[in-house]
Protein backbone atom coordinates (compact mmCIF):
# COMPACT_ATOMS: atom_id res chain seq x y z
CA UNK A 1 36.82 60.45 146.67
CA UNK A 2 38.41 63.77 146.51
CA UNK A 3 39.58 64.94 143.03
CA UNK A 4 42.75 66.28 144.54
CA UNK A 5 43.45 62.48 145.98
CA UNK A 6 43.73 61.30 142.24
CA UNK A 7 46.26 63.90 141.30
CA UNK A 8 48.60 64.45 144.20
CA UNK A 9 51.29 66.35 142.62
CA UNK A 10 55.03 65.87 141.97
CA UNK A 11 56.69 65.53 145.05
CA UNK A 12 60.21 65.72 143.64
CA UNK A 13 59.55 69.42 143.02
CA UNK A 14 59.08 70.32 146.77
CA UNK A 15 61.05 73.33 147.68
CA UNK A 16 62.51 73.74 144.28
CA UNK A 17 62.87 77.08 142.55
CA UNK A 18 60.54 77.13 139.55
CA UNK A 19 59.85 79.54 136.88
CA UNK A 20 56.25 78.92 135.45
CA UNK A 21 53.88 80.73 133.08
CA UNK A 22 49.92 80.82 133.25
CA UNK A 23 47.10 83.34 133.72
CA UNK A 24 46.89 85.15 136.97
CA UNK A 25 43.11 84.85 138.41
CA UNK A 26 42.42 86.65 141.52
CA UNK A 27 41.02 84.94 144.53
CA UNK A 28 39.01 87.59 145.66
CA UNK A 29 37.47 90.35 143.66
CA UNK A 30 40.63 92.64 143.64
CA UNK A 31 42.74 93.43 140.57
CA UNK A 32 45.36 95.85 141.88
CA UNK A 33 48.09 94.87 144.22
CA UNK A 34 46.77 91.35 144.41
CA UNK A 35 48.92 89.18 146.82
CA UNK A 36 47.24 86.11 146.44
CA UNK A 37 45.83 84.41 143.17
CA UNK A 38 45.69 81.27 141.26
CA UNK A 39 48.25 80.59 138.25
CA UNK A 40 45.89 78.75 135.47
CA UNK A 41 46.71 77.23 132.07
CA UNK A 42 45.30 78.90 128.86
CA UNK A 43 41.66 77.37 128.94
CA UNK A 44 40.27 76.17 125.68
CA UNK A 45 37.49 78.48 124.32
CA UNK A 46 36.03 75.76 121.74
CA UNK A 47 33.18 75.52 124.12
CA UNK A 48 31.13 78.11 125.98
CA UNK A 49 32.01 76.68 129.44
CA UNK A 50 35.28 74.99 129.51
CA UNK A 51 36.29 72.29 131.79
CA UNK A 52 37.86 73.53 134.89
CA UNK A 53 41.60 72.64 135.12
CA UNK A 54 42.77 69.70 137.13
CA UNK A 55 44.05 70.50 140.90
CA UNK A 56 47.67 69.72 139.65
CA UNK A 57 47.22 72.32 136.78
CA UNK A 58 46.37 75.12 139.25
CA UNK A 59 48.71 76.92 141.62
CA UNK A 60 48.13 78.99 144.51
CA UNK A 61 50.47 81.93 144.56
CA UNK A 62 51.56 83.99 147.20
CA UNK A 63 53.42 87.29 146.17
CA UNK A 64 53.66 89.63 149.22
CA UNK A 65 54.79 92.50 146.75
CA UNK A 66 51.32 92.24 144.87
CA UNK A 67 50.74 92.30 141.26
CA UNK A 68 48.22 93.87 139.09
CA UNK A 69 45.82 91.25 137.49
CA UNK A 70 45.48 91.46 133.78
CA UNK A 71 44.44 89.37 130.82
CA UNK A 72 48.00 88.70 129.83
CA UNK A 73 49.89 85.60 130.64
CA UNK A 74 52.45 86.18 133.61
CA UNK A 75 55.69 84.60 134.37
CA UNK A 76 56.00 83.49 138.39
CA UNK A 77 59.30 82.51 139.83
CA UNK A 78 59.40 81.39 143.34
CA UNK A 79 59.66 78.24 145.80
CA UNK A 80 57.15 75.52 145.08
CA UNK A 81 55.46 73.34 147.62
CA UNK A 82 52.95 70.46 147.44
CA UNK A 83 50.09 72.08 149.46
CA UNK A 84 46.56 70.92 148.92
CA UNK A 85 44.19 74.02 148.94
CA UNK A 86 40.60 74.53 148.32
CA UNK A 87 38.90 77.88 147.69
CA UNK A 88 35.65 79.07 146.15
CA UNK A 89 37.44 79.27 142.78
CA UNK A 90 39.35 75.76 142.30
CA UNK A 91 41.17 73.07 144.04
CA UNK A 92 44.80 73.38 143.93
CA UNK A 93 47.84 70.74 144.65
CA UNK A 94 50.71 73.44 144.34
CA UNK A 95 51.50 76.72 146.11
CA UNK A 96 54.22 78.96 144.98
CA UNK A 97 55.88 81.77 147.11
CA UNK A 98 56.66 83.85 144.53
CA UNK A 99 59.59 86.20 144.37
CA UNK A 100 58.99 87.61 141.05
CA UNK A 101 55.81 87.96 138.50
CA UNK A 102 56.24 89.52 135.39
CA UNK A 103 54.16 89.90 132.22
CA UNK A 104 54.96 87.10 129.72
CA UNK A 105 55.19 87.05 126.19
CA UNK A 106 54.71 83.34 125.10
CA UNK A 107 54.82 82.18 121.84
CA UNK A 108 53.30 78.74 122.85
CA UNK A 109 50.29 80.38 124.08
CA UNK A 110 47.90 81.17 120.90
CA UNK A 111 44.86 82.64 120.88
CA UNK A 112 41.63 80.34 120.62
CA UNK A 113 40.86 79.50 117.01
């Protein structure tokens, strides 16, 4: 059984405009003007090799304007869809067509201890 079948996502969100924070990770080895990236949560650094996030914790983002990828968290605003995707990096249950991506200052995102 595919893991994505076990985490189908929340269909109530389909088509909603959302604001969500996370860390942008490029799908390809590009860091300037990136139009497609994965939005992932903060990964625990208590272990040398943290577990990968589940597919419902990864959001595939399409942002035609492009964004420069840094180590800083970002806020993504856009329309969310349930679209299971798989690439070389991670499976994803959600896709956002972003209208805005900005650097975030998130008090709840702490540095790993």
